[in-house]
Amino acid sequence: MAKYIGNTAELAGNSRDERLLNNRFILARLAELVEKYPDWRFHQLLQNAGVSRPGEDQFYEESKKTFENMKT
């Protein structure tokens, strides 16, 4: 069962499920932004949402941190 803490969710002892849930949160937020700003290109969307941060290596960043860093 998910436990919500601020903007993120933590699942007791299961990092795979926690990652999946945070990925779904990220996608839901991006879907909202696509509807709100239909003229944005995809990479504009990612950067303006705070998902993509130029100059930072985010390859191994956990989804929880990505979601926490997203702009609201």
Protein backbone atom coordinates (compact mmCIF):
# COMPACT_ATOMS: atom_id res chain seq x y z
CA MET A 1 0.00 0.00 0.00
CA ALA A 2 1.28 3.46 -0.89
CA LYS A 3 2.09 6.01 1.76
CA TYR A 4 2.05 9.59 0.49
CA ILE A 5 4.69 11.96 1.81
CA GLY A 6 4.52 15.39 0.27
CA ASN A 7 4.50 14.93 -3.49
CA THR A 8 5.88 11.39 -3.45
CA ALA A 9 4.78 7.93 -2.48
CA GLU A 10 6.75 5.39 -0.53
CA LEU A 11 5.92 1.71 -0.44
CA ALA A 12 7.09 -0.30 2.52
CA GLY A 13 10.30 -2.06 1.54
CA ASN A 14 9.66 -2.38 -2.19
CA SER A 15 11.77 0.00 -4.26
CA ARG A 16 10.50 -1.49 -7.54
CA ASP A 17 6.88 -0.68 -6.68
CA GLU A 18 7.88 2.73 -5.36
CA ARG A 19 9.72 3.48 -8.60
CA LEU A 20 6.74 2.35 -10.67
CA LEU A 21 4.35 4.53 -8.67
CA ASN A 22 6.60 7.59 -8.94
CA ASN A 23 6.96 6.98 -12.70
CA ARG A 24 3.17 7.00 -12.94
CA PHE A 25 3.04 10.27 -10.97
CA ILE A 26 5.58 11.81 -13.37
CA LEU A 27 3.59 10.67 -16.41
CA ALA A 28 0.33 11.97 -14.94
CA ARG A 29 1.89 15.37 -14.29
CA LEU A 30 3.34 15.48 -17.81
CA ALA A 31 -0.09 14.57 -19.22
CA GLU A 32 -1.58 17.55 -17.36
CA LEU A 33 1.07 19.86 -18.80
CA VAL A 34 0.53 18.54 -22.35
CA GLU A 35 -3.12 19.56 -22.09
CA LYS A 36 -2.33 22.91 -20.49
CA TYR A 37 0.46 23.83 -22.93
CA PRO A 38 -0.31 22.11 -26.25
CA ASP A 39 2.19 24.26 -28.17
CA TRP A 40 5.20 23.07 -26.18
CA ARG A 41 7.50 20.59 -27.89
CA PHE A 42 8.27 17.41 -25.97
CA HIS A 43 11.72 18.45 -24.75
CA GLN A 44 10.36 21.88 -23.80
CA LEU A 45 7.78 20.04 -21.73
CA LEU A 46 10.44 17.94 -19.99
CA GLN A 47 12.70 20.88 -19.30
CA ASN A 48 9.96 23.29 -18.19
CA ALA A 49 8.54 20.62 -15.88
CA GLY A 50 11.94 20.13 -14.27
CA VAL A 51 12.34 16.55 -15.50
CA SER A 52 15.26 17.33 -17.77
CA ARG A 53 17.91 19.59 -16.29
CA PRO A 54 20.61 20.60 -18.79
CA GLY A 55 24.14 19.98 -17.63
CA GLU A 56 23.14 17.33 -15.09
CA ASP A 57 23.70 13.61 -15.54
CA GLN A 58 20.36 12.14 -14.53
CA PHE A 59 20.83 8.65 -15.97
CA TYR A 60 20.86 6.94 -12.56
CA GLU A 61 18.53 9.36 -10.80
CA GLU A 62 15.71 7.59 -8.99
CA SER A 63 12.16 8.37 -10.10
CA LYS A 64 11.30 9.59 -6.62
CA LYS A 65 13.95 12.32 -6.84
CA THR A 66 12.85 13.23 -10.38
CA PHE A 67 9.25 13.60 -9.22
CA GLU A 68 10.29 15.63 -6.17
CA ASN A 69 12.30 17.96 -8.42
CA MET A 70 9.41 18.54 -10.83
CA LYS A 71 8.04 22.07 -10.89
CA THR A 72 4.39 22.37 -9.99
